N, C-alpha and C. Protein backbone atom coordinates (compact mmCIF):
# COMPACT_ATOMS: atom_id res chain seq x y z
N UNK A 1 116.17 119.42 124.38
CA UNK A 1 114.57 119.50 122.90
C UNK A 1 113.80 118.08 123.98
N UNK A 2 112.54 117.78 124.26
CA UNK A 2 112.06 116.90 124.61
C UNK A 2 111.56 115.67 123.79
N UNK A 3 112.31 114.55 124.41
CA UNK A 3 112.02 112.97 123.35
C UNK A 3 110.53 112.64 123.00
N UNK A 4 110.03 112.63 121.77
CA UNK A 4 108.90 112.36 121.66
C UNK A 4 108.72 111.15 121.19
N UNK A 5 107.86 110.74 122.25
CA UNK A 5 107.25 108.81 122.21
C UNK A 5 107.24 108.45 120.50
N UNK A 6 107.24 107.34 120.27
CA UNK A 6 107.29 106.85 119.20
C UNK A 6 106.45 105.61 119.05
N UNK A 7 105.31 105.86 118.14
CA UNK A 7 104.26 104.27 118.33
C UNK A 7 104.66 103.59 117.59
N UNK A 8 103.93 102.46 118.37
CA UNK A 8 104.63 101.16 117.90
C UNK A 8 103.11 100.26 117.11
N UNK A 9 103.04 100.80 115.77
CA UNK A 9 102.05 100.27 115.28
C UNK A 9 102.50 99.30 114.02
N UNK A 10 101.41 98.22 113.56
CA UNK A 10 101.80 96.82 113.12
C UNK A 10 102.81 96.37 113.09
N UNK A 11 104.13 96.27 112.69
CA UNK A 11 104.85 95.31 113.04
C UNK A 11 106.21 96.11 113.62
N UNK A 12 105.96 97.33 113.92
CA UNK A 12 107.20 98.29 115.03
C UNK A 12 107.25 97.29 115.98
N UNK A 13 108.37 97.68 116.56
CA UNK A 13 108.21 97.16 118.14
C UNK A 13 109.77 97.82 118.43
N UNK A 14 110.11 97.68 119.67
CA UNK A 14 111.09 97.85 120.85
C UNK A 14 111.85 96.73 121.83
N UNK A 15 112.67 97.05 121.67
CA UNK A 15 113.79 95.35 122.36
C UNK A 15 113.63 95.95 123.57
N UNK A 16 113.52 95.16 124.83
CA UNK A 16 112.89 95.31 125.96
C UNK A 16 114.59 95.47 126.55
N UNK A 17 115.53 94.59 125.98
CA UNK A 17 116.86 95.02 126.51
C UNK A 17 117.80 96.32 126.45
N UNK A 18 117.72 96.65 125.16
CA UNK A 18 118.65 97.82 124.87
C UNK A 18 118.05 99.14 124.79
N UNK A 19 116.14 99.18 124.37
CA UNK A 19 115.51 100.02 124.16
C UNK A 19 115.41 100.46 122.83
N UNK A 20 115.80 100.22 121.77
CA UNK A 20 115.93 100.55 120.93
C UNK A 20 114.71 100.17 120.04
N UNK A 21 114.56 101.03 118.83
CA UNK A 21 113.11 101.18 117.96
C UNK A 21 113.36 100.42 117.06
N UNK A 22 112.65 99.47 116.36
CA UNK A 22 112.88 98.24 115.27
C UNK A 22 111.06 98.54 114.06
N UNK A 23 111.75 98.54 112.63
CA UNK A 23 110.65 99.05 112.43
C UNK A 23 109.76 97.42 111.36
N UNK A 24 110.42 96.54 111.75
CA UNK A 24 109.52 95.37 111.79
C UNK A 24 110.41 94.24 112.67
N UNK A 25 110.03 92.98 112.43
CA UNK A 25 109.68 91.71 113.43
C UNK A 25 111.62 91.60 113.01
N UNK A 26 111.71 90.93 111.81
CA UNK A 26 112.95 90.74 111.15
C UNK A 26 114.14 91.42 111.31
N UNK A 27 113.98 93.55 111.05
CA UNK A 27 115.23 93.97 111.79
C UNK A 27 115.32 93.75 113.18
N UNK A 28 114.57 93.65 113.95
CA UNK A 28 114.69 93.33 115.46
C UNK A 28 115.56 92.24 115.57
N UNK A 29 115.04 91.04 114.99
CA UNK A 29 115.98 89.51 115.04
C UNK A 29 117.10 89.60 114.75
N UNK A 30 117.45 90.79 113.84
CA UNK A 30 118.67 90.67 112.94
C UNK A 30 119.61 91.04 113.76
N UNK A 31 119.04 92.06 115.06
CA UNK A 31 119.91 92.74 115.64
C UNK A 31 120.38 92.04 117.09
N UNK A 32 119.97 91.00 117.64
CA UNK A 32 119.95 89.94 118.00
C UNK A 32 120.91 88.73 117.69
N UNK A 33 122.28 88.70 118.67
CA UNK A 33 122.89 87.48 118.14
C UNK A 33 123.17 86.41 119.46
N UNK A 34 124.21 85.89 119.22
CA UNK A 34 124.22 85.09 119.83
C UNK A 34 123.58 83.46 120.20
N UNK A 35 124.34 82.78 120.65
CA UNK A 35 123.73 81.04 120.52
C UNK A 35 122.62 81.01 122.15
N UNK A 36 121.63 80.53 121.53
CA UNK A 36 119.96 79.93 122.17
C UNK A 36 120.70 79.42 123.52
N UNK A 37 119.98 79.78 124.77
CA UNK A 37 119.78 78.41 125.70
C UNK A 37 119.58 76.95 125.43
N UNK A 38 120.71 76.25 125.99
CA UNK A 38 120.11 74.85 125.96
C UNK A 38 120.32 74.18 127.23
N UNK A 39 119.83 73.06 127.23
CA UNK A 39 119.72 71.97 128.53
C UNK A 39 121.03 72.21 129.77
N UNK A 40 122.01 72.20 128.71
CA UNK A 40 123.56 72.22 129.24
C UNK A 40 124.00 73.49 129.02
N UNK A 41 123.86 74.11 128.47
CA UNK A 41 124.42 75.68 128.29
C UNK A 41 123.66 76.76 128.74
N UNK A 42 123.63 78.21 129.38
CA UNK A 42 122.65 79.24 129.29
C UNK A 42 122.57 80.23 128.08
N UNK A 43 121.68 81.10 127.82
CA UNK A 43 121.77 81.27 126.50
C UNK A 43 122.55 82.52 126.63
N UNK A 44 123.45 82.60 125.76
CA UNK A 44 124.03 83.50 125.76
C UNK A 44 123.87 85.03 124.01
N UNK A 45 122.68 85.02 124.22
CA UNK A 45 121.81 85.73 123.23
C UNK A 45 122.47 87.62 124.21
N UNK A 46 122.85 88.62 122.86
CA UNK A 46 122.81 89.62 123.27
C UNK A 46 122.32 90.65 122.27
N UNK A 47 122.47 92.23 122.17
CA UNK A 47 121.80 92.76 121.62
C UNK A 47 123.29 93.29 121.01
N UNK A 48 123.56 93.71 119.69
CA UNK A 48 124.32 94.45 119.20
C UNK A 48 124.48 96.08 119.57
N UNK A 49 125.31 96.46 119.35
CA UNK A 49 125.57 97.75 119.51
C UNK A 49 125.05 98.32 118.01
N UNK A 50 124.73 100.22 118.45
CA UNK A 50 124.64 100.72 116.88
C UNK A 50 125.45 100.62 116.59
N UNK A 51 127.00 100.92 116.88
CA UNK A 51 127.94 100.82 115.80
C UNK A 51 127.91 99.24 114.72
N UNK A 52 127.87 98.07 115.94
CA UNK A 52 127.45 96.74 114.96
C UNK A 52 126.08 96.49 114.20
N UNK A 53 125.20 97.36 114.60
CA UNK A 53 123.91 97.30 113.05
C UNK A 53 124.34 97.94 112.28
N UNK A 54 125.23 99.13 112.33
CA UNK A 54 125.78 99.75 110.77
C UNK A 54 126.49 98.99 110.21
N UNK A 55 127.22 98.53 110.66
CA UNK A 55 128.21 97.44 110.47
C UNK A 55 127.60 96.16 109.57
N UNK A 56 126.44 96.02 110.02
CA UNK A 56 126.04 94.52 109.33
C UNK A 56 124.87 95.33 108.42
N UNK A 57 125.06 96.61 107.79
CA UNK A 57 123.87 97.35 106.58
C UNK A 57 122.64 97.57 107.13
N UNK A 58 122.38 97.76 108.67
CA UNK A 58 121.05 98.21 109.29
C UNK A 58 121.39 99.70 109.19
N UNK A 59 120.53 100.81 108.94
CA UNK A 59 120.41 102.18 109.77
C UNK A 59 119.00 102.30 110.04
N UNK A 60 119.00 103.82 110.33
CA UNK A 60 117.74 104.07 111.14
C UNK A 60 117.10 104.87 109.92
N UNK A 61 115.54 104.97 109.81
CA UNK A 61 114.96 105.34 109.15
C UNK A 61 114.29 106.86 109.50
N UNK A 62 113.62 108.05 108.43
CA UNK A 62 113.71 108.57 108.76
C UNK A 62 112.81 109.04 110.44
N UNK A 63 111.74 107.88 110.57
CA UNK A 63 110.72 108.03 111.79
C UNK A 63 111.42 107.70 112.86
N UNK A 64 113.49 107.28 112.88
CA UNK A 64 114.09 106.51 113.76
C UNK A 64 114.09 105.38 114.42
N UNK A 65 113.49 104.52 113.62
CA UNK A 65 113.60 103.25 113.76
C UNK A 65 114.21 102.43 112.86
N UNK A 66 115.42 101.37 113.42
CA UNK A 66 116.16 100.85 112.76
C UNK A 66 115.37 99.71 111.56
N UNK A 67 116.09 99.82 110.56
CA UNK A 67 115.30 98.71 109.14
C UNK A 67 116.95 98.13 109.05
N UNK A 68 116.61 96.79 108.27
CA UNK A 68 117.68 95.94 108.00
C UNK A 68 118.52 96.64 106.78
N UNK A 69 117.57 97.29 105.84
CA UNK A 69 118.67 97.98 104.71
C UNK A 69 117.36 98.82 104.09
N UNK A 70 118.04 99.89 103.29
CA UNK A 70 117.28 100.42 102.66
C UNK A 70 116.95 100.17 101.64
N UNK A 71 115.53 100.09 100.84
CA UNK A 71 115.18 99.48 99.75
C UNK A 71 115.59 100.45 98.38
N UNK A 72 116.18 99.79 97.56
CA UNK A 72 116.68 100.11 96.01
C UNK A 72 115.15 101.17 95.67
N UNK A 73 115.81 101.46 94.82
CA UNK A 73 114.57 102.58 93.67
C UNK A 73 113.60 101.38 93.19
N UNK A 74 114.24 100.24 92.07
CA UNK A 74 113.61 98.96 91.80
C UNK A 74 112.46 98.54 92.51
N UNK A 75 112.90 98.46 94.06
CA UNK A 75 112.20 97.35 94.80
C UNK A 75 110.85 98.31 95.16
N UNK A 76 110.80 99.83 95.35
CA UNK A 76 109.94 100.58 95.55
C UNK A 76 109.24 100.46 94.38
N UNK A 77 109.53 100.23 93.37
CA UNK A 77 108.83 100.61 92.62
C UNK A 77 108.13 99.34 91.83
N UNK A 78 108.40 98.15 92.24
CA UNK A 78 107.71 97.09 92.02
C UNK A 78 106.54 96.57 93.28
N UNK A 79 107.13 97.38 94.26
CA UNK A 79 105.95 97.75 95.84
C UNK A 79 104.59 98.41 95.63
N UNK A 80 104.96 99.90 94.72
CA UNK A 80 103.93 100.19 94.39
C UNK A 80 103.34 99.97 93.45
N UNK A 81 103.39 99.22 92.47
CA UNK A 81 102.95 99.19 91.17
C UNK A 81 101.95 97.65 91.92
N UNK A 82 102.77 96.61 92.77
CA UNK A 82 101.87 95.89 93.42
C UNK A 82 100.84 96.04 94.00
N UNK A 83 101.02 97.08 94.62
CA UNK A 83 99.76 97.69 95.63
C UNK A 83 98.48 98.33 94.58
N UNK A 84 99.35 98.68 93.73
CA UNK A 84 98.40 99.83 92.52
C UNK A 84 97.57 98.88 92.03
N UNK A 85 98.28 97.55 91.50
CA UNK A 85 97.53 96.67 91.16
C UNK A 85 96.53 95.53 92.04
N UNK A 86 96.76 95.62 93.47
CA UNK A 86 96.10 94.90 94.06
C UNK A 86 94.45 96.06 94.50
N UNK A 87 94.79 97.40 94.27
CA UNK A 87 93.20 98.05 94.48
C UNK A 87 92.21 97.98 93.07
N UNK A 88 93.22 97.68 91.64
CA UNK A 88 92.51 97.86 90.64
C UNK A 88 91.37 96.05 90.48
N UNK A 89 92.53 95.23 91.21
CA UNK A 89 91.72 94.00 91.30
C UNK A 89 90.31 93.68 92.13
N UNK A 90 90.07 94.84 92.71
CA UNK A 90 88.94 94.22 92.98
C UNK A 90 87.68 94.64 92.59
N UNK A 91 86.88 93.46 93.20
CA UNK A 91 85.88 93.04 91.97
C UNK A 91 83.98 94.21 92.21
N UNK A 92 84.02 94.42 90.85
CA UNK A 92 82.69 95.43 91.25
C UNK A 92 81.89 95.29 92.53
N UNK A 93 81.41 94.38 92.62
CA UNK A 93 80.64 93.85 93.92
C UNK A 93 81.07 94.55 94.86
N UNK A 94 82.02 94.20 94.81
CA UNK A 94 83.13 94.89 96.41
C UNK A 94 82.59 96.63 96.54
N UNK A 95 83.33 96.66 95.03
CA UNK A 95 82.84 98.29 94.88
C UNK A 95 81.79 98.72 95.53
N UNK A 96 80.73 97.94 94.99
CA UNK A 96 79.49 98.91 94.76
C UNK A 96 78.53 98.26 95.90
N UNK A 97 79.18 97.82 96.83
CA UNK A 97 78.76 97.60 98.07
C UNK A 97 78.13 98.75 98.71
N UNK A 98 76.65 98.90 99.16
CA UNK A 98 76.37 100.21 99.26
C UNK A 98 77.07 99.89 101.02
N UNK A 99 77.04 101.54 101.39
CA UNK A 99 78.22 101.61 102.48
C UNK A 99 77.75 102.76 103.40
N UNK A 100 77.44 102.25 104.95
CA UNK A 100 77.11 103.74 105.28
C UNK A 100 77.93 104.07 106.05
N UNK A 101 78.24 105.32 106.42
CA UNK A 101 79.33 106.11 106.55
C UNK A 101 79.38 105.93 108.08
N UNK A 102 80.44 105.49 108.68
CA UNK A 102 80.92 105.25 110.19
C UNK A 102 80.56 103.62 111.08
N UNK A 103 79.73 102.65 109.80
CA UNK A 103 79.41 101.89 110.04
C UNK A 103 79.76 100.81 109.26
N UNK A 104 80.31 99.81 110.68
CA UNK A 104 81.01 98.81 109.92
C UNK A 104 80.19 97.88 109.34
N UNK A 105 80.74 96.27 108.10
CA UNK A 105 79.46 95.58 108.25
C UNK A 105 79.51 95.10 109.32
N UNK A 106 79.98 94.47 110.17
CA UNK A 106 79.74 93.65 111.15
C UNK A 106 78.55 94.64 111.94
N UNK A 107 78.72 96.03 112.22
CA UNK A 107 77.92 96.86 112.62
C UNK A 107 76.34 96.99 112.02
N UNK A 108 76.62 96.86 110.64
CA UNK A 108 75.44 96.48 109.93
C UNK A 108 74.35 94.99 110.27
N UNK A 109 75.36 94.17 110.04
CA UNK A 109 74.51 92.72 110.35
C UNK A 109 74.03 92.61 111.89
N UNK A 110 74.92 93.34 112.68
CA UNK A 110 74.57 93.77 113.86
C UNK A 110 72.68 94.02 113.98
N UNK A 111 72.81 95.09 113.40
CA UNK A 111 72.10 96.32 113.40
C UNK A 111 70.56 95.55 112.83
N UNK A 112 71.22 94.84 111.52
CA UNK A 112 70.09 94.37 110.99
C UNK A 112 69.41 92.92 111.81
N UNK A 113 69.72 92.29 112.58
CA UNK A 113 69.93 91.38 113.67
C UNK A 113 68.88 91.50 114.68
N UNK A 114 69.12 92.85 115.20
CA UNK A 114 68.53 93.66 116.15
C UNK A 114 67.14 94.28 115.37
N UNK A 115 66.69 94.32 114.42
CA UNK A 115 65.52 94.73 113.65
C UNK A 115 64.60 93.34 113.64
N UNK A 116 65.66 92.81 113.13
CA UNK A 116 64.39 91.24 113.35
C UNK A 116 64.08 90.54 114.06
N UNK A 117 64.63 90.75 115.44
CA UNK A 117 64.48 90.41 116.83
C UNK A 117 63.00 91.69 117.26
N UNK A 118 63.33 92.93 116.57
CA UNK A 118 62.51 93.67 117.33
C UNK A 118 61.16 93.30 116.58
N UNK A 119 60.89 93.04 115.53
CA UNK A 119 59.53 92.71 114.80
C UNK A 119 59.04 92.03 115.00
N UNK A 120 60.09 90.82 115.36
CA UNK A 120 59.03 89.24 116.07
C UNK A 120 58.65 89.61 117.36
N UNK A 121 58.95 91.09 117.76
CA UNK A 121 58.42 91.15 119.23
C UNK A 121 57.19 91.87 119.36
N UNK A 122 57.14 92.84 117.95
CA UNK A 122 56.38 93.60 118.02
C UNK A 122 54.86 92.51 117.02
N UNK A 123 55.48 91.63 116.30
CA UNK A 123 54.47 90.88 115.26
C UNK A 123 53.64 90.33 116.94
N UNK A 124 54.67 89.49 118.09
CA UNK A 124 54.19 88.90 119.32
C UNK A 124 53.22 89.74 119.65
N UNK A 125 53.64 90.77 120.00
CA UNK A 125 52.31 91.92 121.04
C UNK A 125 51.56 92.11 119.86
N UNK A 126 51.49 92.67 118.72
CA UNK A 126 50.04 93.36 118.29
C UNK A 126 49.57 92.38 117.16
N UNK A 127 50.53 91.01 117.70
CA UNK A 127 49.26 89.74 116.51
C UNK A 127 49.38 90.15 115.04
N UNK A 128 50.71 90.98 114.67
CA UNK A 128 50.04 91.35 113.32
C UNK A 128 50.48 89.93 112.58
N UNK A 129 50.04 89.92 111.60
CA UNK A 129 50.29 88.90 110.56
C UNK A 129 51.25 89.29 109.30
N UNK A 130 52.57 88.40 109.28
CA UNK A 130 53.24 88.49 108.18
C UNK A 130 53.02 87.57 107.12
N UNK A 131 53.21 87.91 105.98
CA UNK A 131 53.39 86.85 105.05
C UNK A 131 54.58 85.32 105.16
N UNK A 132 54.40 84.31 105.35
CA UNK A 132 54.65 83.19 106.15
C UNK A 132 56.51 83.00 105.85
N UNK A 133 56.95 83.74 104.89
CA UNK A 133 58.64 83.47 104.60
C UNK A 133 59.17 85.25 105.20
N UNK A 134 58.30 85.98 105.85
CA UNK A 134 58.93 87.17 106.12
C UNK A 134 60.41 86.88 106.93
N UNK A 135 60.42 86.37 108.14
CA UNK A 135 61.37 85.95 108.77
C UNK A 135 62.81 85.38 108.17
N UNK A 136 62.33 84.23 107.05
CA UNK A 136 63.28 83.85 106.94
C UNK A 136 64.29 84.82 105.65
N UNK A 137 63.45 85.57 105.14
CA UNK A 137 64.10 86.39 104.34
C UNK A 137 64.91 87.30 104.88
N UNK A 138 64.54 87.83 106.29
CA UNK A 138 65.26 89.29 106.90
C UNK A 138 66.53 88.32 107.04
N UNK A 139 66.18 87.16 107.70
CA UNK A 139 67.38 86.36 108.25
C UNK A 139 68.61 86.37 106.94
N UNK A 140 67.70 85.88 105.88
CA UNK A 140 69.01 85.92 104.70
C UNK A 140 69.68 87.35 104.44
N UNK A 141 68.74 88.38 104.56
CA UNK A 141 69.30 89.66 104.18
C UNK A 141 70.70 89.93 105.35
N UNK A 142 70.31 89.75 106.67
CA UNK A 142 71.51 89.80 107.54
C UNK A 142 72.43 89.08 107.20
N UNK A 143 72.48 87.63 106.48
CA UNK A 143 73.38 86.81 106.41
C UNK A 143 74.51 87.28 105.40
N UNK A 144 73.60 87.76 103.98
CA UNK A 144 74.41 88.76 102.94
C UNK A 144 75.35 89.79 103.59
N UNK A 145 75.30 90.21 104.70
CA UNK A 145 76.03 91.46 104.76
C UNK A 145 77.23 90.96 105.71
N UNK A 146 77.16 89.88 106.07
CA UNK A 146 78.13 89.47 107.41
C UNK A 146 79.42 89.49 106.80
N UNK A 147 80.62 89.50 107.40
CA UNK A 147 81.80 89.42 107.20
C UNK A 147 82.51 87.87 107.22
N UNK A 148 81.57 87.23 107.34
CA UNK A 148 82.18 85.65 107.27
C UNK A 148 82.03 85.29 106.03
N UNK A 149 81.63 85.87 104.82
CA UNK A 149 81.53 85.47 103.63
C UNK A 149 80.51 84.17 103.05
N UNK A 150 79.43 83.96 104.38
CA UNK A 150 78.47 83.25 103.94
C UNK A 150 77.23 83.68 103.23
N UNK A 151 77.06 83.85 102.38
CA UNK A 151 76.05 84.12 101.12
C UNK A 151 74.48 84.23 101.50
N UNK A 152 74.23 83.84 102.84
CA UNK A 152 72.68 83.03 103.08
C UNK A 152 72.12 82.55 101.86
N UNK A 153 70.91 82.94 102.11
CA UNK A 153 69.50 82.34 100.77
C UNK A 153 70.06 83.12 99.11
N UNK A 154 69.15 82.20 98.35
CA UNK A 154 69.59 82.90 97.06
C UNK A 154 68.45 84.02 96.96
C-alpha cells in the first residue's frame, strides 16, 4: 500500500530525528527527553520510542499524528461552546461589511488607492475640475477599508 504524505498545516510538525508526525508543538516537546547541553556537557536529548510515548499517555489520532492525550467529552463540549460563542460575538458592523467574492480587504484597499491615482492622472491630463475635497474623501474611503484598523476620516 503506497504511503500517503501527511499535510503539515497549523501547528503540526514532524521530528527531523525520528521522522514521527505530531499534531502540536506541545506533543512534539513531550516526545523529546533528556537534558539540554551546557558548556561543560553535551546535550543528551533523544526521542522517545513509540512504546515510551504510549507509556507516557500519548497516542496517534485518526490522521496518524501523535497527540498528548485524547480529549474527554467535557473538554470537547467546552471547546465547541467556546467557538460557537466567539462566532455569535461578532459585531453587527463586521457582519454587514460589504464583501466582494474573491477579493480580500487588502485587495479592495489597493484597488481604491489605484483608482485614486488614476483619477488624479486623468484630472491632470484633462484638467478636469473637481470639488476641493474630492481627493481627501477618496483617501478617507480607502483608509476605512484597510486591515490596519485605521478608521480614516469622519
